PDB file of N, CA and C in Angstrom:
ATOM      1  N   UNK A   1     -16.581 -19.546   3.623  1.00  0.00           N
ATOM      2  CA  UNK A   1     -15.354 -18.740   4.187  1.00  0.00           C
ATOM      3  C   UNK A   1     -14.823 -17.981   3.315  1.00  0.00           C
ATOM      4  N   UNK A   2     -14.403 -16.436   3.755  1.00  0.00           N
ATOM      5  CA  UNK A   2     -14.056 -15.468   2.919  1.00  0.00           C
ATOM      6  C   UNK A   2     -12.512 -15.312   3.049  1.00  0.00           C
ATOM      7  N   UNK A   3     -12.022 -15.305   2.097  1.00  0.00           N
ATOM      8  CA  UNK A   3     -10.436 -15.322   1.821  1.00  0.00           C
ATOM      9  C   UNK A   3     -10.234 -14.003   1.882  1.00  0.00           C
ATOM     10  N   UNK A   4      -9.140 -13.410   2.306  1.00  0.00           N
ATOM     11  CA  UNK A   4      -8.655 -12.052   2.459  1.00  0.00           C
ATOM     12  C   UNK A   4      -6.842 -12.037   2.082  1.00  0.00           C
ATOM     13  N   UNK A   5      -6.809 -10.958   1.854  1.00  0.00           N
ATOM     14  CA  UNK A   5      -5.216 -10.890   1.266  1.00  0.00           C
ATOM     15  C   UNK A   5      -4.520 -10.150   2.337  1.00  0.00           C
ATOM     16  N   UNK A   6      -3.549 -10.353   2.729  1.00  0.00           N
ATOM     17  CA  UNK A   6      -2.680  -9.962   3.837  1.00  0.00           C
ATOM     18  C   UNK A   6      -1.461  -9.153   3.667  1.00  0.00           C
ATOM     19  N   UNK A   7      -1.146  -8.113   4.340  1.00  0.00           N
ATOM     20  CA  UNK A   7      -0.064  -7.117   4.039  1.00  0.00           C
ATOM     21  C   UNK A   7       0.968  -7.625   4.899  1.00  0.00           C
ATOM     22  N   UNK A   8       2.055  -8.261   4.427  1.00  0.00           N
ATOM     23  CA  UNK A   8       3.182  -8.760   5.010  1.00  0.00           C
ATOM     24  C   UNK A   8       4.600  -7.473   5.348  1.00  0.00           C
ATOM     25  N   UNK A   9       4.166  -6.476   4.920  1.00  0.00           N
ATOM     26  CA  UNK A   9       5.297  -5.442   4.977  1.00  0.00           C
ATOM     27  C   UNK A   9       6.091  -5.028   3.523  1.00  0.00           C
ATOM     28  N   UNK A  10       5.547  -5.913   2.645  1.00  0.00           N
ATOM     29  CA  UNK A  10       6.263  -5.694   1.301  1.00  0.00           C
ATOM     30  C   UNK A  10       5.095  -5.190   0.352  1.00  0.00           C
ATOM     31  N   UNK A  11       5.609  -4.438  -0.589  1.00  0.00           N
ATOM     32  CA  UNK A  11       4.706  -3.971  -1.610  1.00  0.00           C
ATOM     33  C   UNK A  11       4.028  -4.598  -2.026  1.00  0.00           C
ATOM     34  N   UNK A  12       2.575  -4.695  -1.950  1.00  0.00           N
ATOM     35  CA  UNK A  12       1.752  -5.395  -2.726  1.00  0.00           C
ATOM     36  C   UNK A  12       1.733  -5.469  -4.461  1.00  0.00           C
ATOM     37  N   UNK A  13       1.822  -4.171  -4.645  1.00  0.00           N
ATOM     38  CA  UNK A  13       1.883  -3.846  -6.338  1.00  0.00           C
ATOM     39  C   UNK A  13       3.061  -4.550  -6.689  1.00  0.00           C
ATOM     40  N   UNK A  14       4.238  -4.581  -6.180  1.00  0.00           N
ATOM     41  CA  UNK A  14       5.413  -5.358  -6.489  1.00  0.00           C
ATOM     42  C   UNK A  14       5.296  -6.919  -6.541  1.00  0.00           C
ATOM     43  N   UNK A  15       4.719  -7.188  -5.524  1.00  0.00           N
ATOM     44  CA  UNK A  15       4.242  -8.472  -5.444  1.00  0.00           C
ATOM     45  C   UNK A  15       3.615  -9.249  -6.729  1.00  0.00           C
ATOM     46  N   UNK A  16       2.632  -8.223  -7.124  1.00  0.00           N
ATOM     47  CA  UNK A  16       1.690  -8.634  -7.989  1.00  0.00           C
ATOM     48  C   UNK A  16       2.733  -8.922  -9.433  1.00  0.00           C
ATOM     49  N   UNK A  17       3.745  -8.222  -9.595  1.00  0.00           N
ATOM     50  CA  UNK A  17       4.568  -8.114 -10.553  1.00  0.00           C
ATOM     51  C   UNK A  17       5.813  -8.980 -10.394  1.00  0.00           C
ATOM     52  N   UNK A  18       5.669  -9.756  -9.557  1.00  0.00           N
ATOM     53  CA  UNK A  18       6.943 -10.736  -9.210  1.00  0.00           C
ATOM     54  C   UNK A  18       7.971 -10.381  -8.528  1.00  0.00           C
ATOM     55  N   UNK A  19       7.844  -9.249  -7.741  1.00  0.00           N
ATOM     56  CA  UNK A  19       9.170  -8.521  -7.563  1.00  0.00           C
ATOM     57  C   UNK A  19       8.937  -8.262  -5.866  1.00  0.00           C
ATOM     58  N   UNK A  20       9.802  -8.229  -4.997  1.00  0.00           N
ATOM     59  CA  UNK A  20       9.719  -8.185  -3.826  1.00  0.00           C
ATOM     60  C   UNK A  20      10.168  -6.933  -3.495  1.00  0.00           C
ATOM     61  N   UNK A  21       9.525  -5.525  -3.041  1.00  0.00           N
ATOM     62  CA  UNK A  21      10.248  -4.428  -2.950  1.00  0.00           C
ATOM     63  C   UNK A  21       9.832  -3.830  -1.192  1.00  0.00           C
ATOM     64  N   UNK A  22      10.705  -3.574  -0.744  1.00  0.00           N
ATOM     65  CA  UNK A  22      10.507  -3.025   0.778  1.00  0.00           C
ATOM     66  C   UNK A  22       9.883  -1.720   0.833  1.00  0.00           C
ATOM     67  N   UNK A  23       8.945  -1.631   1.959  1.00  0.00           N
ATOM     68  CA  UNK A  23       8.282  -0.400   2.305  1.00  0.00           C
ATOM     69  C   UNK A  23       9.001  -0.005   3.721  1.00  0.00           C
ATOM     70  N   UNK A  24       9.204   1.573   3.555  1.00  0.00           N
ATOM     71  CA  UNK A  24       9.598   2.359   4.703  1.00  0.00           C
ATOM     72  C   UNK A  24       8.730   3.263   5.041  1.00  0.00           C
ATOM     73  N   UNK A  25       8.613   3.710   6.538  1.00  0.00           N
ATOM     74  CA  UNK A  25       7.826   4.982   6.840  1.00  0.00           C
ATOM     75  C   UNK A  25       8.547   6.407   6.154  1.00  0.00           C
ATOM     76  N   UNK A  26       7.448   6.897   5.713  1.00  0.00           N
ATOM     77  CA  UNK A  26       7.830   8.145   5.010  1.00  0.00           C
ATOM     78  C   UNK A  26       7.375   9.503   5.863  1.00  0.00           C
ATOM     79  N   UNK A  27       7.781  10.635   5.483  1.00  0.00           N
ATOM     80  CA  UNK A  27       7.730  11.912   6.396  1.00  0.00           C
ATOM     81  C   UNK A  27       6.206  11.953   6.635  1.00  0.00           C
ATOM     82  N   UNK A  28       5.235  11.539   5.845  1.00  0.00           N
ATOM     83  CA  UNK A  28       4.090  11.626   6.355  1.00  0.00           C
ATOM     84  C   UNK A  28       3.514  10.411   7.185  1.00  0.00           C
ATOM     85  N   UNK A  29       4.240   9.733   7.963  1.00  0.00           N
ATOM     86  CA  UNK A  29       3.981   8.466   8.554  1.00  0.00           C
ATOM     87  C   UNK A  29       3.037   7.370   7.900  1.00  0.00           C
ATOM     88  N   UNK A  30       3.176   7.399   6.625  1.00  0.00           N
ATOM     89  CA  UNK A  30       2.696   6.120   5.768  1.00  0.00           C
ATOM     90  C   UNK A  30       3.536   5.223   5.385  1.00  0.00           C
ATOM     91  N   UNK A  31       3.523   4.019   5.317  1.00  0.00           N
ATOM     92  CA  UNK A  31       4.429   3.163   4.547  1.00  0.00           C
ATOM     93  C   UNK A  31       4.466   3.212   3.163  1.00  0.00           C
ATOM     94  N   UNK A  32       5.828   3.397   2.846  1.00  0.00           N
ATOM     95  CA  UNK A  32       5.803   3.819   1.336  1.00  0.00           C
ATOM     96  C   UNK A  32       6.744   2.692   0.491  1.00  0.00           C
ATOM     97  N   UNK A  33       6.209   2.521  -0.828  1.00  0.00           N
ATOM     98  CA  UNK A  33       7.206   1.103  -1.371  1.00  0.00           C
ATOM     99  C   UNK A  33       8.419   2.103  -1.975  1.00  0.00           C
ATOM    100  N   UNK A  34       9.615   1.542  -1.763  1.00  0.00           N
ATOM    101  CA  UNK A  34      10.946   2.220  -2.273  1.00  0.00           C
ATOM    102  C   UNK A  34      10.889   1.982  -3.754  1.00  0.00           C
ATOM    103  N   UNK A  35      10.081   1.073  -4.400  1.00  0.00           N
ATOM    104  CA  UNK A  35      10.168   0.972  -5.675  1.00  0.00           C
ATOM    105  C   UNK A  35       9.181   1.593  -6.471  1.00  0.00           C
ATOM    106  N   UNK A  36       8.047   1.784  -6.070  1.00  0.00           N
ATOM    107  CA  UNK A  36       6.659   2.250  -6.624  1.00  0.00           C
ATOM    108  C   UNK A  36       6.026   3.520  -6.298  1.00  0.00           C
ATOM    109  N   UNK A  37       6.340   3.768  -4.796  1.00  0.00           N
ATOM    110  CA  UNK A  37       5.939   4.896  -4.016  1.00  0.00           C
ATOM    111  C   UNK A  37       4.448   4.615  -3.542  1.00  0.00           C
ATOM    112  N   UNK A  38       4.061   3.515  -4.071  1.00  0.00           N
ATOM    113  CA  UNK A  38       2.550   2.978  -3.074  1.00  0.00           C
ATOM    114  C   UNK A  38       2.689   3.071  -1.819  1.00  0.00           C
ATOM    115  N   UNK A  39       1.777   3.629  -1.198  1.00  0.00           N
ATOM    116  CA  UNK A  39       1.832   4.080   0.329  1.00  0.00           C
ATOM    117  C   UNK A  39       0.450   3.038   1.073  1.00  0.00           C
ATOM    118  N   UNK A  40       0.605   2.860   2.104  1.00  0.00           N
ATOM    119  CA  UNK A  40      -0.260   2.085   3.123  1.00  0.00           C
ATOM    120  C   UNK A  40      -0.222   2.666   4.695  1.00  0.00           C
ATOM    121  N   UNK A  41      -1.535   2.954   4.863  1.00  0.00           N
ATOM    122  CA  UNK A  41      -1.808   3.388   6.156  1.00  0.00           C
ATOM    123  C   UNK A  41      -2.198   2.159   7.201  1.00  0.00           C
ATOM    124  N   UNK A  42      -1.651   2.080   8.182  1.00  0.00           N
ATOM    125  CA  UNK A  42      -1.602   0.940   8.969  1.00  0.00           C
ATOM    126  C   UNK A  42      -2.653   1.111  10.000  1.00  0.00           C
ATOM    127  N   UNK A  43      -3.795   0.687  10.424  1.00  0.00           N
ATOM    128  CA  UNK A  43      -4.714   0.820  11.522  1.00  0.00           C
ATOM    129  C   UNK A  43      -4.933  -0.842  11.766  1.00  0.00           C
ATOM    130  N   UNK A  44      -4.114  -1.442  12.654  1.00  0.00           N
ATOM    131  CA  UNK A  44      -4.306  -2.619  12.936  1.00  0.00           C
ATOM    132  C   UNK A  44      -5.919  -3.032  13.355  1.00  0.00           C
ATOM    133  N   UNK A  45      -6.423  -4.183  12.991  1.00  0.00           N
ATOM    134  CA  UNK A  45      -5.847  -5.326  11.906  1.00  0.00           C
ATOM    135  C   UNK A  45      -5.954  -5.047  10.413  1.00  0.00           C
ATOM    136  N   UNK A  46      -5.820  -3.847   9.933  1.00  0.00           N
ATOM    137  CA  UNK A  46      -6.149  -3.245   8.791  1.00  0.00           C
ATOM    138  C   UNK A  46      -4.693  -2.593   8.274  1.00  0.00           C
ATOM    139  N   UNK A  47      -4.721  -2.707   6.741  1.00  0.00           N
ATOM    140  CA  UNK A  47      -3.515  -1.731   6.081  1.00  0.00           C
ATOM    141  C   UNK A  47      -4.418  -1.292   4.660  1.00  0.00           C
ATOM    142  N   UNK A  48      -4.503   0.060   4.725  1.00  0.00           N
ATOM    143  CA  UNK A  48      -5.165   0.460   3.709  1.00  0.00           C
ATOM    144  C   UNK A  48      -4.349   1.283   2.630  1.00  0.00           C
ATOM    145  N   UNK A  49      -4.696   0.799   1.525  1.00  0.00           N
ATOM    146  CA  UNK A  49      -3.765   1.576   0.317  1.00  0.00           C
ATOM    147  C   UNK A  49      -4.356   2.522   0.153  1.00  0.00           C
ATOM    148  N   UNK A  50      -3.470   3.729  -0.206  1.00  0.00           N
ATOM    149  CA  UNK A  50      -3.870   5.151  -0.103  1.00  0.00           C
ATOM    150  C   UNK A  50      -3.848   5.223  -1.813  1.00  0.00           C
ATOM    151  N   UNK A  51      -4.720   6.333  -2.310  1.00  0.00           N
ATOM    152  CA  UNK A  51      -5.014   6.204  -3.648  1.00  0.00           C
ATOM    153  C   UNK A  51      -3.881   7.274  -4.288  1.00  0.00           C
ATOM    154  N   UNK A  52      -2.961   7.857  -3.407  1.00  0.00           N
ATOM    155  CA  UNK A  52      -1.882   8.608  -3.767  1.00  0.00           C
ATOM    156  C   UNK A  52      -0.511   8.245  -3.713  1.00  0.00           C
ATOM    157  N   UNK A  53       0.436   8.386  -4.532  1.00  0.00           N
ATOM    158  CA  UNK A  53       1.867   7.698  -4.121  1.00  0.00           C
ATOM    159  C   UNK A  53       2.673   8.708  -3.332  1.00  0.00           C
ATOM    160  N   UNK A  54       3.654   8.174  -2.827  1.00  0.00           N
ATOM    161  CA  UNK A  54       4.459   9.068  -1.830  1.00  0.00           C
ATOM    162  C   UNK A  54       5.514   9.521  -2.790  1.00  0.00           C
ATOM    163  N   UNK A  55       6.250  10.542  -2.095  1.00  0.00           N
ATOM    164  CA  UNK A  55       7.007  11.302  -2.928  1.00  0.00           C
ATOM    165  C   UNK A  55       8.779  10.814  -2.388  1.00  0.00           C
ATOM    166  N   UNK A  56       9.043   9.694  -1.780  1.00  0.00           N
ATOM    167  CA  UNK A  56      10.291   9.023  -1.740  1.00  0.00           C
ATOM    168  C   UNK A  56      11.032   9.567  -0.665  1.00  0.00           C
ATOM    169  N   UNK A  57      10.445  10.277   0.348  1.00  0.00           N
ATOM    170  CA  UNK A  57      10.956  11.076   1.394  1.00  0.00           C
ATOM    171  C   UNK A  57      10.606  10.196   2.771  1.00  0.00           C
ATOM    172  N   UNK A  58      11.741   9.463   2.930  1.00  0.00           N
ATOM    173  CA  UNK A  58      11.771   8.365   3.949  1.00  0.00           C
ATOM    174  C   UNK A  58      12.392   8.903   5.370  1.00  0.00           C
ATOM    175  N   UNK A  59      11.708   8.444   6.138  1.00  0.00           N
ATOM    176  CA  UNK A  59      12.046   8.688   7.773  1.00  0.00           C
ATOM    177  C   UNK A  59      13.237   7.619   7.894  1.00  0.00           C
ATOM    178  N   UNK A  60      14.041   7.718   8.879  1.00  0.00           N
ATOM    179  CA  UNK A  60      14.837   6.507   9.320  1.00  0.00           C
ATOM    180  C   UNK A  60      14.347   5.880  10.164  1.00  0.00           C
ATOM    181  N   UNK A  61      14.058   4.552   9.441  1.00  0.00           N
ATOM    182  CA  UNK A  61      13.178   3.575  10.123  1.00  0.00           C
ATOM    183  C   UNK A  61      13.263   2.007   9.594  1.00  0.00           C
ATOM    184  N   UNK A  62      12.744   1.322  10.501  1.00  0.00           N
ATOM    185  CA  UNK A  62      13.001  -0.146   9.734  1.00  0.00           C
ATOM    186  C   UNK A  62      12.212  -0.508   8.757  1.00  0.00           C
ATOM    187  N   UNK A  63      12.270  -1.772   8.105  1.00  0.00           N
ATOM    188  CA  UNK A  63      11.453  -1.782   6.942  1.00  0.00           C
ATOM    189  C   UNK A  63      10.105  -2.601   7.466  1.00  0.00           C
ATOM    190  N   UNK A  64       8.992  -2.464   7.000  1.00  0.00           N
ATOM    191  CA  UNK A  64       7.834  -2.798   7.369  1.00  0.00           C
ATOM    192  C   UNK A  64       7.735  -4.087   7.489  1.00  0.00           C
ATOM    193  N   UNK A  65       8.587  -4.906   6.550  1.00  0.00           N
ATOM    194  CA  UNK A  65       8.360  -6.379   6.322  1.00  0.00           C
ATOM    195  C   UNK A  65       9.107  -6.837   7.764  1.00  0.00           C
ATOM    196  N   UNK A  66       9.636  -6.039   8.767  1.00  0.00           N
ATOM    197  CA  UNK A  66      10.287  -6.307   9.980  1.00  0.00           C
ATOM    198  C   UNK A  66       9.742  -5.993  11.183  1.00  0.00           C
ATOM    199  N   UNK A  67       8.709  -5.310  10.881  1.00  0.00           N
ATOM    200  CA  UNK A  67       7.664  -4.957  12.179  1.00  0.00           C
ATOM    201  C   UNK A  67       6.219  -5.089  11.938  1.00  0.00           C
ATOM    202  N   UNK A  68       5.858  -5.470  10.664  1.00  0.00           N
ATOM    203  CA  UNK A  68       4.414  -5.715  10.285  1.00  0.00           C
ATOM    204  C   UNK A  68       4.050  -6.865   9.658  1.00  0.00           C
ATOM    205  N   UNK A  69       2.783  -7.452   9.927  1.00  0.00           N
ATOM    206  CA  UNK A  69       2.624  -8.697   9.216  1.00  0.00           C
ATOM    207  C   UNK A  69       1.261  -8.999   9.497  1.00  0.00           C
ATOM    208  N   UNK A  70       0.645  -9.681   8.501  1.00  0.00           N
ATOM    209  CA  UNK A  70      -1.140 -10.399   8.538  1.00  0.00           C
ATOM    210  C   UNK A  70      -1.870  -9.275   9.148  1.00  0.00           C
ATOM    211  N   UNK A  71      -1.813  -8.022   8.356  1.00  0.00           N
ATOM    212  CA  UNK A  71      -2.868  -7.010   8.362  1.00  0.00           C
ATOM    213  C   UNK A  71      -3.746  -7.402   7.179  1.00  0.00           C
ATOM    214  N   UNK A  72      -5.018  -7.113   7.312  1.00  0.00           N
ATOM    215  CA  UNK A  72      -6.012  -7.164   6.351  1.00  0.00           C
ATOM    216  C   UNK A  72      -5.855  -5.789   5.309  1.00  0.00           C
ATOM    217  N   UNK A  73      -5.758  -5.976   4.198  1.00  0.00           N
ATOM    218  CA  UNK A  73      -5.566  -5.061   3.103  1.00  0.00           C
ATOM    219  C   UNK A  73      -7.231  -4.606   2.680  1.00  0.00           C
ATOM    220  N   UNK A  74      -7.250  -3.411   2.581  1.00  0.00           N
ATOM    221  CA  UNK A  74      -8.459  -2.537   2.378  1.00  0.00           C
ATOM    222  C   UNK A  74      -7.877  -1.321   1.490  1.00  0.00           C
ATOM    223  N   UNK A  75      -9.203  -1.119   0.775  1.00  0.00           N
ATOM    224  CA  UNK A  75      -9.115   0.194   0.360  1.00  0.00           C
ATOM    225  C   UNK A  75      -9.439   1.412   1.474  1.00  0.00           C
ATOM    226  N   UNK A  76      -9.402   2.668   1.108  1.00  0.00           N
ATOM    227  CA  UNK A  76      -9.657   3.582   2.015  1.00  0.00           C
ATOM    228  C   UNK A  76     -11.179   4.269   2.062  1.00  0.00           C
ATOM    229  N   UNK A  77     -11.383   4.852   3.071  1.00  0.00           N
ATOM    230  CA  UNK A  77     -12.617   5.453   3.209  1.00  0.00           C
ATOM    231  C   UNK A  77     -12.567   6.777   2.330  1.00  0.00           C
ATOM    232  N   UNK A  78     -13.747   7.043   1.523  1.00  0.00           N
ATOM    233  CA  UNK A  78     -13.798   8.138   0.687  1.00  0.00           C
ATOM    234  C   UNK A  78     -13.660   9.537   1.582  1.00  0.00           C
ATOM    235  N   UNK A  79     -14.126   9.627   2.505  1.00  0.00           N
ATOM    236  CA  UNK A  79     -13.954  11.094   3.071  1.00  0.00           C
ATOM    237  C   UNK A  79     -12.809  11.215   3.646  1.00  0.00           C
ATOM    238  N   UNK A  80     -12.070  10.422   4.185  1.00  0.00           N
ATOM    239  CA  UNK A  80     -10.797  10.527   5.058  1.00  0.00           C
ATOM    240  C   UNK A  80      -9.570  10.329   3.941  1.00  0.00           C
ATOM    241  N   UNK A  81      -9.682   9.554   2.849  1.00  0.00           N
ATOM    242  CA  UNK A  81      -8.411   9.249   2.157  1.00  0.00           C
ATOM    243  C   UNK A  81      -7.591   8.289   2.551  1.00  0.00           C
ATOM    244  N   UNK A  82      -7.607   8.086   4.010  1.00  0.00           N
ATOM    245  CA  UNK A  82      -6.558   7.310   4.503  1.00  0.00           C
ATOM    246  C   UNK A  82      -7.048   6.160   5.580  1.00  0.00           C
ATOM    247  N   UNK A  83      -7.978   6.282   6.064  1.00  0.00           N
ATOM    248  CA  UNK A  83      -8.740   5.439   6.982  1.00  0.00           C
ATOM    249  C   UNK A  83      -8.882   4.152   6.310  1.00  0.00           C
ATOM    250  N   UNK A  84      -9.094   2.810   6.731  1.00  0.00           N
ATOM    251  CA  UNK A  84      -9.247   1.706   5.833  1.00  0.00           C
ATOM    252  C   UNK A  84     -10.893   1.737   6.038  1.00  0.00           C
ATOM    253  N   UNK A  85     -11.341   1.020   4.815  1.00  0.00           N
ATOM    254  CA  UNK A  85     -12.825   0.807   4.912  1.00  0.00           C
ATOM    255  C   UNK A  85     -13.268  -0.408   4.853  1.00  0.00           C
ATOM    256  N   UNK A  86     -13.773  -0.887   6.033  1.00  0.00           N
ATOM    257  CA  UNK A  86     -14.090  -2.137   6.050  1.00  0.00           C
ATOM    258  C   UNK A  86     -15.082  -2.929   4.770  1.00  0.00           C
ATOM    259  N   UNK A  87     -15.690  -2.013   4.094  1.00  0.00           N
ATOM    260  CA  UNK A  87     -16.479  -2.595   2.901  1.00  0.00           C
ATOM    261  C   UNK A  87     -15.439  -2.915   1.737  1.00  0.00           C
ATOM    262  N   UNK A  88     -14.370  -2.418   1.823  1.00  0.00           N
ATOM    263  CA  UNK A  88     -13.258  -2.679   0.692  1.00  0.00           C
ATOM    264  C   UNK A  88     -12.171  -3.663   0.940  1.00  0.00           C
ATOM    265  N   UNK A  89     -12.397  -4.619   1.715  1.00  0.00           N
ATOM    266  CA  UNK A  89     -11.529  -5.494   1.891  1.00  0.00           C
ATOM    267  C   UNK A  89     -11.191  -6.164   0.433  1.00  0.00           C
ATOM    268  N   UNK A  90      -9.840  -6.267   0.338  1.00  0.00           N
ATOM    269  CA  UNK A  90      -9.539  -7.068  -0.866  1.00  0.00           C
ATOM    270  C   UNK A  90      -9.397  -8.507  -0.669  1.00  0.00           C
ATOM    271  N   UNK A  91     -10.087  -9.542  -1.628  1.00  0.00           N
ATOM    272  CA  UNK A  91      -9.978 -10.660  -1.260  1.00  0.00           C
ATOM    273  C   UNK A  91      -9.168 -11.624  -2.147  1.00  0.00           C
ATOM    274  N   UNK A  92      -8.544 -11.155  -3.190  1.00  0.00           N
ATOM    275  CA  UNK A  92      -7.638 -11.946  -3.994  1.00  0.00           C
ATOM    276  C   UNK A  92      -7.013 -10.932  -4.973  1.00  0.00           C
ATOM    277  N   UNK A  93      -5.855 -11.646  -5.609  1.00  0.00           N
ATOM    278  CA  UNK A  93      -5.013 -10.706  -6.447  1.00  0.00           C
ATOM    279  C   UNK A  93      -5.573 -10.127  -7.567  1.00  0.00           C
ATOM    280  N   UNK A  94      -6.645 -10.487  -8.132  1.00  0.00           N
ATOM    281  CA  UNK A  94      -7.686  -9.958  -9.145  1.00  0.00           C
ATOM    282  C   UNK A  94      -8.133  -8.601  -8.564  1.00  0.00           C
ATOM    283  N   UNK A  95      -8.920  -8.532  -7.280  1.00  0.00           N
ATOM    284  CA  UNK A  95      -9.304  -7.407  -6.845  1.00  0.00           C
ATOM    285  C   UNK A  95      -8.428  -6.363  -6.659  1.00  0.00           C
ATOM    286  N   UNK A  96      -7.085  -6.790  -5.942  1.00  0.00           N
ATOM    287  CA  UNK A  96      -6.123  -6.054  -5.629  1.00  0.00           C
ATOM    288  C   UNK A  96      -5.644  -5.193  -6.923  1.00  0.00           C
ATOM    289  N   UNK A  97      -5.500  -6.054  -8.024  1.00  0.00           N
ATOM    290  CA  UNK A  97      -5.023  -5.548  -9.233  1.00  0.00           C
ATOM    291  C   UNK A  97      -6.016  -4.466  -9.854  1.00  0.00           C
ATOM    292  N   UNK A  98      -7.120  -4.769  -9.730  1.00  0.00           N
ATOM    293  CA  UNK A  98      -8.261  -3.901 -10.214  1.00  0.00           C
ATOM    294  C   UNK A  98      -8.127  -2.611  -9.362  1.00  0.00           C
ATOM    295  N   UNK A  99      -8.370  -2.630  -7.872  1.00  0.00           N
ATOM    296  CA  UNK A  99      -8.089  -1.558  -6.936  1.00  0.00           C
ATOM    297  C   UNK A  99      -6.837  -0.574  -7.383  1.00  0.00           C
ATOM    298  N   UNK A 100      -5.968  -1.216  -7.671  1.00  0.00           N
ATOM    299  CA  UNK A 100      -4.575  -0.445  -8.084  1.00  0.00           C
ATOM    300  C   UNK A 100      -4.946   0.202  -9.224  1.00  0.00           C
ATOM    301  N   UNK A 101      -5.222  -0.227 -10.354  1.00  0.00           N
ATOM    302  CA  UNK A 101      -5.497   0.148 -11.784  1.00  0.00           C
ATOM    303  C   UNK A 101      -6.390   1.238 -11.618  1.00  0.00           C
ATOM    304  N   UNK A 102      -7.540   1.206 -10.720  1.00  0.00           N
ATOM    305  CA  UNK A 102      -9.003   1.970 -10.867  1.00  0.00           C
ATOM    306  C   UNK A 102      -8.593   3.341  -9.761  1.00  0.00           C
ATOM    307  N   UNK A 103      -8.006   3.202  -8.705  1.00  0.00           N
ATOM    308  CA  UNK A 103      -8.062   3.967  -7.544  1.00  0.00           C
ATOM    309  C   UNK A 103      -6.791   4.694  -7.584  1.00  0.00           C
ATOM    310  N   UNK A 104      -5.623   3.830  -7.369  1.00  0.00           N
ATOM    311  CA  UNK A 104      -4.360   4.274  -7.277  1.00  0.00           C
ATOM    312  C   UNK A 104      -3.824   5.270  -8.221  1.00  0.00           C
ATOM    313  N   UNK A 105      -3.448   6.481  -8.099  1.00  0.00           N
ATOM    314  CA  UNK A 105      -2.951   7.224  -9.248  1.00  0.00           C
ATOM    315  C   UNK A 105      -1.690   6.857  -9.810  1.00  0.00           C
ATOM    316  N   UNK A 106      -1.062   6.935 -11.024  1.00  0.00           N
ATOM    317  CA  UNK A 106      -0.042   6.456 -11.629  1.00  0.00           C
ATOM    318  C   UNK A 106       0.923   7.312 -11.066  1.00  0.00           C
ATOM    319  N   UNK A 107       1.994   6.612 -11.094  1.00  0.00           N
ATOM    320  CA  UNK A 107       3.526   7.326 -10.724  1.00  0.00           C
ATOM    321  C   UNK A 107       4.096   8.257 -11.787  1.00  0.00           C
ATOM    322  N   UNK A 108       4.604   9.694 -11.920  1.00  0.00           N
ATOM    323  CA  UNK A 108       4.581  10.501 -12.946  1.00  0.00           C
ATOM    324  C   UNK A 108       6.172   9.946 -13.110  1.00  0.00           C
ATOM    325  N   UNK A 109       6.066   9.984 -14.452  1.00  0.00           N
ATOM    326  CA  UNK A 109       7.485   9.696 -15.125  1.00  0.00           C
ATOM    327  C   UNK A 109       8.156  10.933 -15.084  1.00  0.00           C
ATOM    328  N   UNK A 110       9.475  10.447 -14.709  1.00  0.00           N
ATOM    329  CA  UNK A 110      10.451  11.774 -14.760  1.00  0.00           C
ATOM    330  C   UNK A 110      10.377  12.601 -15.907  1.00  0.00           C
ATOM    331  N   UNK A 111      10.459  14.121 -15.856  1.00  0.00           N
ATOM    332  CA  UNK A 111      10.394  14.977 -17.061  1.00  0.00           C
ATOM    333  C   UNK A 111      11.982  15.026 -17.338  1.00  0.00           C
ATOM    334  N   UNK A 112      11.963  14.835 -19.012  1.00  0.00           N
ATOM    335  CA  UNK A 112      13.483  15.131 -19.461  1.00  0.00           C
ATOM    336  C   UNK A 112      13.531  16.381 -19.564  1.00  0.00           C
ATOM    337  N   UNK A 113      15.036  17.030 -19.384  1.00  0.00           N
ATOM    338  CA  UNK A 113      15.508  17.997 -18.935  1.00  0.00           C
ATOM    339  C   UNK A 113      15.625  18.767 -20.789  1.00  0.00           C
TER     340      UNK A 113
END
C-alpha cells in the first residue's frame, strides 16, 4: 500500500511548521499561500508544488480550502515547470520537507531602505 500526501487547500509548507495558512488564486491562476508565497498548480487529481514563489498579487477568489480537497501532491515536470509529475508523488512529510528545501526557491527577505 502506497501512502500519499493530499492537498486540502491549506499551505503544505505552513502545515509542516504547525501553522494553518490559507491559499488564494493569484494573477497567474496558481493557488498561492498568503503566508509564504508557495504556489500550487491544480490538475485533478493532482496538486503540483511549483519551484518558484508568487508575488502576493491575488485575484478576488474563494480560499482553496473552501473549494479543493484530497488532491495528490506532486512535484512538477521539469520541462513545463507547472504540470504535475506522477513520478514525483509526495508520500510523507519528510519527502515534502526535502522537496521544499531542495526544489522550491526561498522567499526573498525585504530589503531595508
